[in-house]
């Protein structure tokens, strides 16, 4: 987090888990970028956050370059979350993910949720259906990324843990540096991106066409245009370097620009930048032989702004919406905030909750309006009965599903069930709905015949039960010997 940024609060507290680094040491700017989405100051410069004015507490768990240090463990994430709790946090925002679940983490976030804290995390950026963590723990809100057309990003993880979606493509926010990447030719400056791990600096030379740059060429003292494709960016840059070129300019093989890298552990001694396909093709067709001036510079620390992609960028939108809503009434519970965001999300993709968008795009005002209007209602949507034979006993299963007025499954509802047996005995039982809104009741019996079940009551801490809205209140099943 860079407190010297013109668009970020300078009175923020925090801690660092990295030896020798302060929480304000933000070399790769990931923390400063997500912070700007949350608290960007409304000061007529730069960007405005979703919830400017809310208090921040920063826990630095990645090093200066944004890497998870080799000695880190899941206990470090738990310690970070507990530090947030100790600082008085209502919402914990985690723009991070890992592939492995741990019991320690799951129990910790469940405990935090039980103590009134709302945890929000990035679904991850692999574009596959695997669960990543902490987002996929039941007590954590998993956030997917959508673009400006409300279409899910191709990199956004998709699975049934995804709960909400938020903007995560080309999100403009604050950075702890100012990067200058450009190519100037014949009086025109072309916007570029720096190739990661290539050295900062400037270079000049006659512009030449290197094709795919898949081999060395006669490029001494030249700025070489390379088409993207076939081989790695590192190999292209090294072929230019080994040919005596002063800089490698890689242009895209599809519309627009891209973010390239030489790869972890690789470097070069000439700068590398990337261009859009349109600019690259124009230069190859019209400007070969002209002098090209390449700039690849970084000013740190500085008040910069960049547009980034990622579920890391979507996550602070949801976290900030939760904080913004909560600020209207600090007595509301984390469960009430979570339910309100679920119930009022703009449904995208398949009707209802789906693996790509969850409940849909988070809507701050609608969620606030719902909470200020009072508790939403719940009712019984389905009662399903079945039985199995186990030895000489029958296992009678009754599943009761509870939803809210929007049809969203409701967890943590206490369901009271009466079961009338073939002998006219009435048995009472109580169950609690899971994350799918279902409470399951088991009755072991040796007696065949007609069994009738009736839901006598449903109780929820935040929502009102309306029996008149029940799709079903009772059901029956005959067990045959």
Foldseek 3Di string as FASTA:
>chain_A
DALPAPFAHNPAAEAEPDPPDGLNLAQCFLVQFLRQQQAGHPDPDFDGHLFHPDGDYDYHQADNNRHRDPPDDVVVVLVRVVVCVVVPAQEAFEADWAQDDDPVVLVSLVVVQVVFHAYEYEQFFQQEAGGIPPQQRQRHAYEFAADPVQHTDSRTHFYQSHAAYFHFFQAKGKGQKAKAWWKDWPRDIAGWAWAAQEDFDKAKAFEDECEQQQAADQAARHEYEHEDDDDAPLSSQVSCVVNNYQEYEYEYPDADKDHHYNDPPDYDHHTYIYHYNVVSVCCNVPPGGTMMMTGTDMGGRYTYMGTHGGSSNGRSNLSSLLVNLCVVPVPDGPLLSSVLQLLPADQDDPPAAGRRGNSHHGDNVSSSVQVVVAAFAKAWADWDWDWDDDPLKIKIKIKIAMATPSRQTDFQKKWWKWKQDPVRDIDIDIFTAHNRRITMDIDIDNDFFKMKMFTPDIDDPGHHYDHVPYPDGMDMDTGDD
